[in-house]
Amino acid sequence: MKQLRWGILGTANISRKNWKSILHSGNVVTAVASRNARRSREFIEQCQREHPFDAAPTALGSYDELIESPNVDAIYIPIPTGLRKNWVVRAAKAGKHVLSEKPCAATVADLREMIDACQRHGVQFMDGVMFMHNPRLERIRRALQDSAALGDIKRITSHFSFEAADDFLQANIRSDATLEPLGCLGDLGWYTIRFALWAMNWQLPREVSGRILSQAGRQQSHAQVPFEFSGELIFAEGVSSGFYCSFLTTYSNWAVVTGTKGEVRVPDFALPKNSSEGALEINSTLADDLKMDPLTAQETNMLRAFSKQVLSGKLNHDWIDWALKTQIVTNACLEAARAGRPVSL
């Protein structure tokens, strides 16, 4: 095989972005499933008008049909976190490789079950953190390893927020504890925690703390979820990381790594802004400003890397490790916030 045949399980807005990325990665979408075939057809028609494949994907009226399709090798799963485990496990049992939206699961135990199913059935699992596939990351790593310019890392700080629309509380699933129990911590904090773990070469913190600064929930929801959250990660050798995520604050996504001699600032670490593929400042000097190219954008690179890995016949266990460690820290931060005390890892 020279192309990976993708199925999209769910027609969430993010699916449109990844449809385009699958196209640009040189692979193909062969089927789209929703809870009814009409919605799938409408989604396919809209996407085909803007970013057409040579052959339009098949519209399916149930997730089961997609899982069972012989024309699908890998499944992108963007459905709500609270519903995802069952479909990841079923996809794995059907021999389908899985690209999961983040946060991967509601709990660490759920994610372990998902990962175990994928490993048991020999299929690839990866979470959809696009910035991990941005070519800028290699440049950032070199900057962090430059002892003359940065010294030893002492502090990592990150922020990811957006101001939700007026109808967000009732109209958006991210305010529903059944569907998205981690709220802004799972939706936005996942990125800030991932960046800190990456910067620390995947070392887990020895202790975490957290604070829910604001929470809310739909009227029909059984509980409230974090709408504004701050956390603190304490690593070995005196390194600390603080992060903030929010549905209530103006749009901002940045990360700063401060060392004993200098500082590395990434003003758009999760989502490149304007026309840049990602700015990077080292000791207040702009180091990189790569222009956006749809064929090398981070979301396209993610789909290309996943497809290439699957077609190689080998599994990438690092991707699984990254997802699990991010889930462990994310859930520990929420546990610490609710308990009102730090949690040791």
C-alpha atoms as a PDB file:
ATOM      1  CA  MET A   1       0.000   0.000   0.000  1.00  0.00           C
ATOM      2  CA  LYS A   2       1.158   3.499  -0.810  1.00  0.00           C
ATOM      3  CA  GLN A   3      -1.795   5.314   0.753  1.00  0.00           C
ATOM      4  CA  LEU A   4      -3.498   4.907   4.079  1.00  0.00           C
ATOM      5  CA  ARG A   5      -7.288   4.702   3.825  1.00  0.00           C
ATOM      6  CA  TRP A   6      -8.837   6.861   6.514  1.00  0.00           C
ATOM      7  CA  GLY A   7     -12.261   6.778   8.064  1.00  0.00           C
ATOM      8  CA  ILE A   8     -13.596   9.729  10.061  1.00  0.00           C
ATOM      9  CA  LEU A   9     -15.797   8.730  12.997  1.00  0.00           C
ATOM     10  CA  GLY A  10     -17.873  11.829  13.747  1.00  0.00           C
ATOM     11  CA  THR A  11     -18.432  15.098  11.927  1.00  0.00           C
ATOM     12  CA  ALA A  12     -17.117  17.598  14.495  1.00  0.00           C
ATOM     13  CA  ASN A  13     -15.637  20.836  13.155  1.00  0.00           C
ATOM     14  CA  ILE A  14     -12.077  19.663  13.803  1.00  0.00           C
ATOM     15  CA  SER A  15     -12.776  16.803  11.373  1.00  0.00           C
ATOM     16  CA  ARG A  16     -12.852  19.320   8.514  1.00  0.00           C
ATOM     17  CA  LYS A  17      -9.319  20.429   9.328  1.00  0.00           C
ATOM     18  CA  ASN A  18      -8.068  16.866   9.400  1.00  0.00           C
ATOM     19  CA  TRP A  19      -9.921  15.980   6.178  1.00  0.00           C
ATOM     20  CA  LYS A  20      -7.830  18.676   4.516  1.00  0.00           C
ATOM     21  CA  SER A  21      -4.688  17.416   6.246  1.00  0.00           C
ATOM     22  CA  ILE A  22      -5.268  13.845   5.084  1.00  0.00           C
ATOM     23  CA  LEU A  23      -5.586  15.151   1.527  1.00  0.00           C
ATOM     24  CA  HIS A  24      -2.397  17.218   1.764  1.00  0.00           C
ATOM     25  CA  SER A  25      -0.535  14.328   3.391  1.00  0.00           C
ATOM     26  CA  GLY A  26      -1.027  12.257   0.247  1.00  0.00           C
ATOM     27  CA  ASN A  27      -3.494   9.835   1.801  1.00  0.00           C
ATOM     28  CA  VAL A  28      -7.222   9.386   1.327  1.00  0.00           C
ATOM     29  CA  VAL A  29     -10.513   9.485   3.232  1.00  0.00           C
ATOM     30  CA  THR A  30     -12.652   6.547   2.126  1.00  0.00           C
ATOM     31  CA  ALA A  31     -15.565   6.809   4.581  1.00  0.00           C
ATOM     32  CA  VAL A  32     -17.228   9.196   7.034  1.00  0.00           C
ATOM     33  CA  ALA A  33     -19.653   8.057   9.729  1.00  0.00           C
ATOM     34  CA  SER A  34     -22.182  10.008  11.729  1.00  0.00           C
ATOM     35  CA  ARG A  35     -25.224   8.960  13.703  1.00  0.00           C
ATOM     36  CA  ASN A  36     -27.249   9.292  10.502  1.00  0.00           C
ATOM     37  CA  ALA A  37     -26.256   9.046   6.860  1.00  0.00           C
ATOM     38  CA  ARG A  38     -27.729  12.443   5.955  1.00  0.00           C
ATOM     39  CA  ARG A  39     -25.281  14.238   8.234  1.00  0.00           C
ATOM     40  CA  SER A  40     -22.396  12.220   6.798  1.00  0.00           C
ATOM     41  CA  ARG A  41     -23.462  13.079   3.241  1.00  0.00           C
ATOM     42  CA  GLU A  42     -23.711  16.787   4.063  1.00  0.00           C
ATOM     43  CA  PHE A  43     -20.276  16.747   5.686  1.00  0.00           C
ATOM     44  CA  ILE A  44     -18.721  14.976   2.693  1.00  0.00           C
ATOM     45  CA  GLU A  45     -20.391  17.306   0.185  1.00  0.00           C
ATOM     46  CA  GLN A  46     -19.123  20.396   2.015  1.00  0.00           C
ATOM     47  CA  CYS A  47     -15.581  19.070   2.356  1.00  0.00           C
ATOM     48  CA  GLN A  48     -15.469  17.810  -1.231  1.00  0.00           C
ATOM     49  CA  ARG A  49     -16.386  21.279  -2.522  1.00  0.00           C
ATOM     50  CA  GLU A  50     -13.416  22.834  -0.749  1.00  0.00           C
ATOM     51  CA  HIS A  51     -10.828  20.036  -0.713  1.00  0.00           C
ATOM     52  CA  PRO A  52     -11.918  17.230  -3.037  1.00  0.00           C
ATOM     53  CA  PHE A  53     -10.574  13.707  -3.222  1.00  0.00           C
ATOM     54  CA  ASP A  54     -10.686  12.013  -6.615  1.00  0.00           C
ATOM     55  CA  ALA A  55     -13.420   9.721  -5.306  1.00  0.00           C
ATOM     56  CA  ALA A  56     -15.869  10.994  -2.716  1.00  0.00           C
ATOM     57  CA  PRO A  57     -15.821   9.009   0.538  1.00  0.00           C
ATOM     58  CA  THR A  58     -18.735   6.762   1.408  1.00  0.00           C
ATOM     59  CA  ALA A  59     -21.314   8.275   3.777  1.00  0.00           C
ATOM     60  CA  LEU A  60     -22.213   5.912   6.610  1.00  0.00           C
ATOM     61  CA  GLY A  61     -25.124   6.195   9.022  1.00  0.00           C
ATOM     62  CA  SER A  62     -23.552   4.550  12.060  1.00  0.00           C
ATOM     63  CA  TYR A  63     -20.184   4.274  13.749  1.00  0.00           C
ATOM     64  CA  ASP A  64     -20.452   0.482  13.624  1.00  0.00           C
ATOM     65  CA  GLU A  65     -20.414   0.544   9.832  1.00  0.00           C
ATOM     66  CA  LEU A  66     -17.153   2.491   9.846  1.00  0.00           C
ATOM     67  CA  ILE A  67     -15.535   0.154  12.372  1.00  0.00           C
ATOM     68  CA  GLU A  68     -16.485  -2.843  10.239  1.00  0.00           C
ATOM     69  CA  SER A  69     -15.612  -1.337   6.838  1.00  0.00           C
ATOM     70  CA  PRO A  70     -13.036  -3.344   4.858  1.00  0.00           C
ATOM     71  CA  ASN A  71     -12.101  -0.132   3.013  1.00  0.00           C
ATOM     72  CA  VAL A  72     -10.727   1.642   6.095  1.00  0.00           C
ATOM     73  CA  ASP A  73      -7.248   1.124   7.570  1.00  0.00           C
ATOM     74  CA  ALA A  74      -7.178   3.902  10.182  1.00  0.00           C
ATOM     75  CA  ILE A  75      -9.851   5.861  12.008  1.00  0.00           C
ATOM     76  CA  TYR A  76      -9.741   9.438  13.204  1.00  0.00           C
ATOM     77  CA  ILE A  77     -11.932   9.727  16.327  1.00  0.00           C
ATOM     78  CA  PRO A  78     -12.962  13.278  17.331  1.00  0.00           C
ATOM     79  CA  ILE A  79     -16.140  12.355  19.254  1.00  0.00           C
ATOM     80  CA  PRO A  80     -16.483  13.619  22.874  1.00  0.00           C
ATOM     81  CA  THR A  81     -13.960  12.389  25.410  1.00  0.00           C
ATOM     82  CA  GLY A  82     -16.590  10.791  27.617  1.00  0.00           C
ATOM     83  CA  LEU A  83     -17.758   8.569  24.746  1.00  0.00           C
ATOM     84  CA  ARG A  84     -14.424   7.776  23.134  1.00  0.00           C
ATOM     85  CA  LYS A  85     -13.070   4.751  25.010  1.00  0.00           C
ATOM     86  CA  ASN A  86     -15.642   2.301  23.679  1.00  0.00           C
ATOM     87  CA  TRP A  87     -15.002   3.273  20.058  1.00  0.00           C
ATOM     88  CA  VAL A  88     -11.220   3.232  20.364  1.00  0.00           C
ATOM     89  CA  VAL A  89     -11.345  -0.248  21.868  1.00  0.00           C
ATOM     90  CA  ARG A  90     -13.763  -1.444  19.188  1.00  0.00           C
ATOM     91  CA  ALA A  91     -11.635   0.062  16.423  1.00  0.00           C
ATOM     92  CA  ALA A  92      -8.551  -1.691  17.789  1.00  0.00           C
ATOM     93  CA  LYS A  93     -10.364  -5.035  17.953  1.00  0.00           C
ATOM     94  CA  ALA A  94     -11.352  -4.530  14.306  1.00  0.00           C
ATOM     95  CA  GLY A  95      -7.691  -4.003  13.382  1.00  0.00           C
ATOM     96  CA  LYS A  96      -8.036  -0.273  12.713  1.00  0.00           C
ATOM     97  CA  HIS A  97      -5.273   2.142  13.646  1.00  0.00           C
ATOM     98  CA  VAL A  98      -6.444   5.045  15.813  1.00  0.00           C
ATOM     99  CA  LEU A  99      -5.782   8.785  15.796  1.00  0.00           C
ATOM    100  CA  SER A 100      -7.618  10.127  18.834  1.00  0.00           C
ATOM    101  CA  GLU A 101      -8.522  13.703  19.641  1.00  0.00           C
ATOM    102  CA  LYS A 102      -7.367  15.043  22.977  1.00  0.00           C
ATOM    103  CA  PRO A 103      -7.776  14.733  25.849  1.00  0.00           C
ATOM    104  CA  CYS A 104      -7.559  11.040  25.077  1.00  0.00           C
ATOM    105  CA  ALA A 105      -9.786   9.842  27.893  1.00  0.00           C
ATOM    106  CA  ALA A 106     -11.700  10.868  30.985  1.00  0.00           C
ATOM    107  CA  THR A 107      -9.360   8.922  33.281  1.00  0.00           C
ATOM    108  CA  VAL A 108      -5.936   7.327  33.230  1.00  0.00           C
ATOM    109  CA  ALA A 109      -7.549   3.906  33.668  1.00  0.00           C
ATOM    110  CA  ASP A 110      -9.664   4.477  30.560  1.00  0.00           C
ATOM    111  CA  LEU A 111      -6.638   5.437  28.497  1.00  0.00           C
ATOM    112  CA  ARG A 112      -4.691   2.418  29.703  1.00  0.00           C
ATOM    113  CA  GLU A 113      -7.583   0.234  28.541  1.00  0.00           C
ATOM    114  CA  MET A 114      -7.564   1.954  25.144  1.00  0.00           C
ATOM    115  CA  ILE A 115      -3.798   1.579  24.781  1.00  0.00           C
ATOM    116  CA  ASP A 116      -3.869  -2.056  25.897  1.00  0.00           C
ATOM    117  CA  ALA A 117      -6.480  -2.825  23.226  1.00  0.00           C
ATOM    118  CA  CYS A 118      -4.388  -1.154  20.524  1.00  0.00           C
ATOM    119  CA  GLN A 119      -1.218  -2.949  21.564  1.00  0.00           C
ATOM    120  CA  ARG A 120      -2.963  -6.308  21.920  1.00  0.00           C
ATOM    121  CA  HIS A 121      -4.309  -6.050  18.374  1.00  0.00           C
ATOM    122  CA  GLY A 122      -1.135  -4.584  16.872  1.00  0.00           C
ATOM    123  CA  VAL A 123      -2.540  -1.196  15.817  1.00  0.00           C
ATOM    124  CA  GLN A 124      -1.046   2.268  16.174  1.00  0.00           C
ATOM    125  CA  PHE A 125      -2.420   4.786  18.673  1.00  0.00           C
ATOM    126  CA  MET A 126      -1.640   8.500  18.712  1.00  0.00           C
ATOM    127  CA  ASP A 127      -3.288  11.587  20.171  1.00  0.00           C
ATOM    128  CA  GLY A 128      -3.910  14.554  17.894  1.00  0.00           C
ATOM    129  CA  VAL A 129      -1.536  17.141  19.346  1.00  0.00           C
ATOM    130  CA  MET A 130      -0.571  18.898  16.135  1.00  0.00           C
ATOM    131  CA  PHE A 131       2.251  21.059  17.451  1.00  0.00           C
ATOM    132  CA  MET A 132       4.258  17.923  18.189  1.00  0.00           C
ATOM    133  CA  HIS A 133       4.667  17.616  14.401  1.00  0.00           C
ATOM    134  CA  ASN A 134       5.672  21.200  13.709  1.00  0.00           C
ATOM    135  CA  PRO A 135       9.177  21.382  12.158  1.00  0.00           C
ATOM    136  CA  ARG A 136       9.852  24.295  14.507  1.00  0.00           C
ATOM    137  CA  LEU A 137      10.046  21.853  17.427  1.00  0.00           C
ATOM    138  CA  GLU A 138      13.479  20.643  16.339  1.00  0.00           C
ATOM    139  CA  ARG A 139      14.719  24.252  16.393  1.00  0.00           C
ATOM    140  CA  ILE A 140      13.263  24.792  19.864  1.00  0.00           C
ATOM    141  CA  ARG A 141      15.010  21.647  21.104  1.00  0.00           C
ATOM    142  CA  ARG A 142      18.347  22.907  19.832  1.00  0.00           C
ATOM    143  CA  ALA A 143      17.767  26.178  21.666  1.00  0.00           C
ATOM    144  CA  LEU A 144      16.955  24.352  24.906  1.00  0.00           C
ATOM    145  CA  GLN A 145      20.138  22.299  24.571  1.00  0.00           C
ATOM    146  CA  ASP A 146      22.324  25.380  23.983  1.00  0.00           C
ATOM    147  CA  SER A 147      23.966  25.651  27.387  1.00  0.00           C
ATOM    148  CA  ALA A 148      25.839  28.806  26.413  1.00  0.00           C
ATOM    149  CA  ALA A 149      22.643  30.705  25.542  1.00  0.00           C
ATOM    150  CA  LEU A 150      20.107  29.159  27.948  1.00  0.00           C
ATOM    151  CA  GLY A 151      22.080  27.477  30.698  1.00  0.00           C
ATOM    152  CA  ASP A 152      20.125  25.000  32.795  1.00  0.00           C
ATOM    153  CA  ILE A 153      16.342  24.986  32.565  1.00  0.00           C
ATOM    154  CA  LYS A 154      14.745  26.354  35.737  1.00  0.00           C
ATOM    155  CA  ARG A 155      11.221  27.401  34.825  1.00  0.00           C
ATOM    156  CA  ILE A 156       8.636  26.565  32.147  1.00  0.00           C
ATOM    157  CA  THR A 157       5.550  28.755  31.842  1.00  0.00           C
ATOM    158  CA  SER A 158       2.656  28.373  29.424  1.00  0.00           C
ATOM    159  CA  HIS A 159      -0.773  29.831  28.717  1.00  0.00           C
ATOM    160  CA  PHE A 160      -3.599  28.730  26.428  1.00  0.00           C
ATOM    161  CA  SER A 161      -6.974  30.442  26.519  1.00  0.00           C
ATOM    162  CA  PHE A 162      -9.868  31.804  24.508  1.00  0.00           C
ATOM    163  CA  GLU A 163     -12.943  33.805  25.401  1.00  0.00           C
ATOM    164  CA  ALA A 164     -15.953  31.592  24.823  1.00  0.00           C
ATOM    165  CA  ALA A 165     -19.029  32.864  22.977  1.00  0.00           C
ATOM    166  CA  ASP A 166     -22.097  33.908  24.946  1.00  0.00           C
ATOM    167  CA  ASP A 167     -23.919  30.656  24.161  1.00  0.00           C
ATOM    168  CA  PHE A 168     -20.932  28.435  25.023  1.00  0.00           C
ATOM    169  CA  LEU A 169     -22.329  27.255  28.353  1.00  0.00           C
ATOM    170  CA  GLN A 170     -25.464  25.714  26.862  1.00  0.00           C
ATOM    171  CA  ALA A 171     -24.437  25.124  23.245  1.00  0.00           C
ATOM    172  CA  ASN A 172     -20.938  23.651  23.528  1.00  0.00           C
ATOM    173  CA  ILE A 173     -20.177  20.108  24.681  1.00  0.00           C
ATOM    174  CA  ARG A 174     -17.084  21.339  26.529  1.00  0.00           C
ATOM    175  CA  SER A 175     -19.382  22.545  29.327  1.00  0.00           C
ATOM    176  CA  ASP A 176     -20.985  19.110  29.730  1.00  0.00           C
ATOM    177  CA  ALA A 177     -19.370  16.965  32.444  1.00  0.00           C
ATOM    178  CA  THR A 178     -20.632  13.745  30.861  1.00  0.00           C
ATOM    179  CA  LEU A 179     -19.082  14.501  27.480  1.00  0.00           C
ATOM    180  CA  GLU A 180     -16.013  16.577  28.450  1.00  0.00           C
ATOM    181  CA  PRO A 181     -15.370  16.011  32.160  1.00  0.00           C
ATOM    182  CA  LEU A 182     -11.970  17.745  32.158  1.00  0.00           C
ATOM    183  CA  GLY A 183     -13.308  21.061  30.804  1.00  0.00           C
ATOM    184  CA  CYS A 184     -10.661  23.617  29.884  1.00  0.00           C
ATOM    185  CA  LEU A 185      -7.968  21.486  31.555  1.00  0.00           C
ATOM    186  CA  GLY A 186      -8.496  18.735  29.001  1.00  0.00           C
ATOM    187  CA  ASP A 187      -9.215  20.978  26.033  1.00  0.00           C
ATOM    188  CA  LEU A 188      -6.419  23.542  26.530  1.00  0.00           C
ATOM    189  CA  GLY A 189      -4.348  22.436  29.505  1.00  0.00           C
ATOM    190  CA  TRP A 190      -3.455  19.222  27.646  1.00  0.00           C
ATOM    191  CA  TYR A 191      -1.268  21.352  25.340  1.00  0.00           C
ATOM    192  CA  THR A 192       0.446  23.290  28.125  1.00  0.00           C
ATOM    193  CA  ILE A 193       1.204  20.106  30.058  1.00  0.00           C
ATOM    194  CA  ARG A 194       2.413  18.380  26.890  1.00  0.00           C
ATOM    195  CA  PHE A 195       4.824  21.238  26.170  1.00  0.00           C
ATOM    196  CA  ALA A 196       6.305  21.046  29.678  1.00  0.00           C
ATOM    197  CA  LEU A 197       6.763  17.275  29.455  1.00  0.00           C
ATOM    198  CA  TRP A 198       8.359  17.605  26.029  1.00  0.00           C
ATOM    199  CA  ALA A 199      10.719  20.353  27.260  1.00  0.00           C
ATOM    200  CA  MET A 200      11.728  18.080  30.149  1.00  0.00           C
ATOM    201  CA  ASN A 201      12.460  15.164  27.786  1.00  0.00           C
ATOM    202  CA  TRP A 202       9.385  13.272  29.048  1.00  0.00           C
ATOM    203  CA  GLN A 203      10.431  13.259  32.694  1.00  0.00           C
ATOM    204  CA  LEU A 204       7.316  13.140  34.873  1.00  0.00           C
ATOM    205  CA  PRO A 205       7.040  15.753  37.621  1.00  0.00           C
ATOM    206  CA  ARG A 206       7.430  14.435  41.160  1.00  0.00           C
ATOM    207  CA  GLU A 207       4.539  16.572  42.413  1.00  0.00           C
ATOM    208  CA  VAL A 208       1.667  18.556  40.930  1.00  0.00           C
ATOM    209  CA  SER A 209      -0.879  21.006  42.261  1.00  0.00           C
ATOM    210  CA  GLY A 210      -3.840  22.735  40.694  1.00  0.00           C
ATOM    211  CA  ARG A 211      -6.582  25.233  41.278  1.00  0.00           C
ATOM    212  CA  ILE A 212      -9.970  25.537  39.613  1.00  0.00           C
ATOM    213  CA  LEU A 213     -10.321  29.302  39.335  1.00  0.00           C
ATOM    214  CA  SER A 214     -13.776  29.108  37.758  1.00  0.00           C
ATOM    215  CA  GLN A 215     -16.155  26.309  36.871  1.00  0.00           C
ATOM    216  CA  ALA A 216     -19.528  25.952  35.175  1.00  0.00           C
ATOM    217  CA  GLY A 217     -21.798  23.403  33.570  1.00  0.00           C
ATOM    218  CA  ARG A 218     -24.881  22.954  31.446  1.00  0.00           C
ATOM    219  CA  GLN A 219     -28.189  22.904  33.282  1.00  0.00           C
ATOM    220  CA  GLN A 220     -28.700  19.243  32.378  1.00  0.00           C
ATOM    221  CA  SER A 221     -25.128  18.290  33.308  1.00  0.00           C
ATOM    222  CA  HIS A 222     -24.575  16.275  36.486  1.00  0.00           C
ATOM    223  CA  ALA A 223     -21.565  18.394  37.503  1.00  0.00           C
ATOM    224  CA  GLN A 224     -19.535  21.465  36.662  1.00  0.00           C
ATOM    225  CA  VAL A 225     -16.245  21.417  34.780  1.00  0.00           C
ATOM    226  CA  PRO A 226     -13.207  23.710  34.976  1.00  0.00           C
ATOM    227  CA  PHE A 227     -13.606  26.900  32.942  1.00  0.00           C
ATOM    228  CA  GLU A 228     -10.418  28.471  34.263  1.00  0.00           C
ATOM    229  CA  PHE A 229      -7.531  26.499  35.723  1.00  0.00           C
ATOM    230  CA  SER A 230      -3.967  27.049  36.908  1.00  0.00           C
ATOM    231  CA  GLY A 231      -1.465  24.339  37.682  1.00  0.00           C
ATOM    232  CA  GLU A 232       2.053  23.845  38.952  1.00  0.00           C
ATOM    233  CA  LEU A 233       4.398  20.960  38.167  1.00  0.00           C
ATOM    234  CA  ILE A 234       7.506  20.326  40.283  1.00  0.00           C
ATOM    235  CA  PHE A 235      10.259  18.329  38.621  1.00  0.00           C
ATOM    236  CA  ALA A 236      13.497  16.953  39.985  1.00  0.00           C
ATOM    237  CA  GLU A 237      16.590  19.166  40.329  1.00  0.00           C
ATOM    238  CA  GLY A 238      14.615  22.308  41.097  1.00  0.00           C
ATOM    239  CA  VAL A 239      12.758  22.715  37.781  1.00  0.00           C
ATOM    240  CA  SER A 240       9.175  23.965  37.973  1.00  0.00           C
ATOM    241  CA  SER A 241       6.418  24.592  35.434  1.00  0.00           C
ATOM    242  CA  GLY A 242       3.334  26.743  35.779  1.00  0.00           C
ATOM    243  CA  PHE A 243       0.415  26.789  33.344  1.00  0.00           C
ATOM    244  CA  TYR A 244      -2.898  28.578  32.895  1.00  0.00           C
ATOM    245  CA  CYS A 245      -5.829  27.591  30.679  1.00  0.00           C
ATOM    246  CA  SER A 246      -9.230  29.201  30.346  1.00  0.00           C
ATOM    247  CA  PHE A 247     -12.477  29.516  28.419  1.00  0.00           C
ATOM    248  CA  LEU A 248     -12.927  33.004  29.933  1.00  0.00           C
ATOM    249  CA  THR A 249      -9.794  34.878  28.866  1.00  0.00           C
ATOM    250  CA  THR A 250      -8.919  36.434  25.531  1.00  0.00           C
ATOM    251  CA  TYR A 251      -7.221  34.201  22.979  1.00  0.00           C
ATOM    252  CA  SER A 252      -3.581  33.578  23.799  1.00  0.00           C
ATOM    253  CA  ASN A 253      -1.206  30.638  23.421  1.00  0.00           C
ATOM    254  CA  TRP A 254       2.422  30.990  24.412  1.00  0.00           C
ATOM    255  CA  ALA A 255       5.200  29.151  26.235  1.00  0.00           C
ATOM    256  CA  VAL A 256       8.428  30.365  27.835  1.00  0.00           C
ATOM    257  CA  VAL A 257      11.403  28.330  29.025  1.00  0.00           C
ATOM    258  CA  THR A 258      13.715  30.233  31.362  1.00  0.00           C
ATOM    259  CA  GLY A 259      17.199  29.031  32.178  1.00  0.00           C
ATOM    260  CA  THR A 260      20.074  30.143  34.357  1.00  0.00           C
ATOM    261  CA  LYS A 261      21.513  32.212  31.491  1.00  0.00           C
ATOM    262  CA  GLY A 262      18.724  32.955  29.019  1.00  0.00           C
ATOM    263  CA  GLU A 263      15.178  32.475  27.828  1.00  0.00           C
ATOM    264  CA  VAL A 264      13.363  30.785  24.953  1.00  0.00           C
ATOM    265  CA  ARG A 265       9.969  32.252  24.132  1.00  0.00           C
ATOM    266  CA  VAL A 266       7.432  30.610  21.796  1.00  0.00           C
ATOM    267  CA  PRO A 267       4.648  33.163  21.257  1.00  0.00           C
ATOM    268  CA  ASP A 268       2.284  30.721  19.495  1.00  0.00           C
ATOM    269  CA  PHE A 269       3.405  27.299  20.687  1.00  0.00           C
ATOM    270  CA  ALA A 270       0.170  25.349  20.112  1.00  0.00           C
ATOM    271  CA  LEU A 271      -1.366  27.051  17.091  1.00  0.00           C
ATOM    272  CA  PRO A 272       0.761  29.191  14.768  1.00  0.00           C
ATOM    273  CA  LYS A 273      -0.765  32.607  14.285  1.00  0.00           C
ATOM    274  CA  ASN A 274      -1.133  34.839  11.239  1.00  0.00           C
ATOM    275  CA  SER A 275       0.947  33.539   8.328  1.00  0.00           C
ATOM    276  CA  SER A 276       3.756  32.017  10.365  1.00  0.00           C
ATOM    277  CA  GLU A 277       4.541  28.394  10.864  1.00  0.00           C
ATOM    278  CA  GLY A 278       5.816  29.462  14.246  1.00  0.00           C
ATOM    279  CA  ALA A 279       7.841  32.275  15.713  1.00  0.00           C
ATOM    280  CA  LEU A 280      10.658  31.607  18.160  1.00  0.00           C
ATOM    281  CA  GLU A 281      12.596  34.095  20.280  1.00  0.00           C
ATOM    282  CA  ILE A 282      15.898  33.258  21.917  1.00  0.00           C
ATOM    283  CA  ASN A 283      17.047  35.861  24.423  1.00  0.00           C
ATOM    284  CA  SER A 284      14.706  38.440  22.827  1.00  0.00           C
ATOM    285  CA  THR A 285      16.022  37.784  19.307  1.00  0.00           C
ATOM    286  CA  LEU A 286      13.660  36.386  16.681  1.00  0.00           C
ATOM    287  CA  ALA A 287      15.232  33.102  15.602  1.00  0.00           C
ATOM    288  CA  ASP A 288      12.686  31.603  13.216  1.00  0.00           C
ATOM    289  CA  ASP A 289       9.606  32.761  11.342  1.00  0.00           C
ATOM    290  CA  LEU A 290       8.691  29.972   8.959  1.00  0.00           C
ATOM    291  CA  LYS A 291       5.979  30.694   6.419  1.00  0.00           C
ATOM    292  CA  MET A 292       2.900  28.528   6.399  1.00  0.00           C
ATOM    293  CA  ASP A 293       2.745  25.890   3.699  1.00  0.00           C
ATOM    294  CA  PRO A 294      -0.327  23.643   3.650  1.00  0.00           C
ATOM    295  CA  LEU A 295       1.866  20.742   2.567  1.00  0.00           C
ATOM    296  CA  THR A 296       4.187  21.058   5.578  1.00  0.00           C
ATOM    297  CA  ALA A 297       1.853  22.612   8.157  1.00  0.00           C
ATOM    298  CA  GLN A 298       1.842  20.866  11.520  1.00  0.00           C
ATOM    299  CA  GLU A 299      -1.563  19.240  11.025  1.00  0.00           C
ATOM    300  CA  THR A 300      -0.487  17.862   7.637  1.00  0.00           C
ATOM    301  CA  ASN A 301       2.788  16.635   9.108  1.00  0.00           C
ATOM    302  CA  MET A 302       0.843  14.847  11.845  1.00  0.00           C
ATOM    303  CA  LEU A 303      -1.305  12.922   9.342  1.00  0.00           C
ATOM    304  CA  ARG A 304       1.703  12.241   7.128  1.00  0.00           C
ATOM    305  CA  ALA A 305       3.760  10.923  10.062  1.00  0.00           C
ATOM    306  CA  PHE A 306       0.949   8.698  11.280  1.00  0.00           C
ATOM    307  CA  SER A 307       0.234   7.288   7.824  1.00  0.00           C
ATOM    308  CA  LYS A 308       3.916   6.697   7.091  1.00  0.00           C
ATOM    309  CA  GLN A 309       4.348   4.906  10.408  1.00  0.00           C
ATOM    310  CA  VAL A 310       1.415   2.581   9.775  1.00  0.00           C
ATOM    311  CA  LEU A 311       2.516   1.840   6.216  1.00  0.00           C
ATOM    312  CA  SER A 312       5.986   0.953   7.525  1.00  0.00           C
ATOM    313  CA  GLY A 313       4.482  -2.014   9.365  1.00  0.00           C
ATOM    314  CA  LYS A 314       6.090  -0.927  12.637  1.00  0.00           C
ATOM    315  CA  LEU A 315       4.480   0.701  15.683  1.00  0.00           C
ATOM    316  CA  ASN A 316       5.682   3.919  17.323  1.00  0.00           C
ATOM    317  CA  HIS A 317       5.615   3.366  21.078  1.00  0.00           C
ATOM    318  CA  ASP A 318       6.847   6.891  21.874  1.00  0.00           C
ATOM    319  CA  TRP A 319       3.514   8.371  20.762  1.00  0.00           C
ATOM    320  CA  ILE A 320       1.714   6.079  23.201  1.00  0.00           C
ATOM    321  CA  ASP A 321       4.078   7.026  26.027  1.00  0.00           C
ATOM    322  CA  TRP A 322       3.567  10.761  25.382  1.00  0.00           C
ATOM    323  CA  ALA A 323      -0.207  10.430  25.486  1.00  0.00           C
ATOM    324  CA  LEU A 324      -0.198   8.369  28.665  1.00  0.00           C
ATOM    325  CA  LYS A 325       2.156  10.712  30.521  1.00  0.00           C
ATOM    326  CA  THR A 326       0.074  13.729  29.511  1.00  0.00           C
ATOM    327  CA  GLN A 327      -3.082  11.987  30.745  1.00  0.00           C
ATOM    328  CA  ILE A 328      -1.415  11.078  34.053  1.00  0.00           C
ATOM    329  CA  VAL A 329      -0.334  14.648  34.751  1.00  0.00           C
ATOM    330  CA  THR A 330      -3.624  16.187  33.563  1.00  0.00           C
ATOM    331  CA  ASN A 331      -5.736  13.985  35.820  1.00  0.00           C
ATOM    332  CA  ALA A 332      -3.345  14.455  38.739  1.00  0.00           C
ATOM    333  CA  CYS A 333      -3.681  18.237  38.424  1.00  0.00           C
ATOM    334  CA  LEU A 334      -7.469  17.959  38.565  1.00  0.00           C
ATOM    335  CA  GLU A 335      -7.249  15.576  41.519  1.00  0.00           C
ATOM    336  CA  ALA A 336      -4.982  18.030  43.342  1.00  0.00           C
ATOM    337  CA  ALA A 337      -7.349  20.935  42.646  1.00  0.00           C
ATOM    338  CA  ARG A 338     -10.361  19.047  43.981  1.00  0.00           C
ATOM    339  CA  ALA A 339      -8.493  17.743  47.005  1.00  0.00           C
ATOM    340  CA  GLY A 340      -6.951  21.119  47.804  1.00  0.00           C
ATOM    341  CA  ARG A 341      -3.478  19.642  48.207  1.00  0.00           C
ATOM    342  CA  PRO A 342      -0.500  18.632  46.029  1.00  0.00           C
ATOM    343  CA  VAL A 343      -0.444  15.147  44.521  1.00  0.00           C
ATOM    344  CA  SER A 344       2.753  13.119  44.259  1.00  0.00           C
ATOM    345  CA  LEU A 345       3.476  11.073  41.128  1.00  0.00           C
END
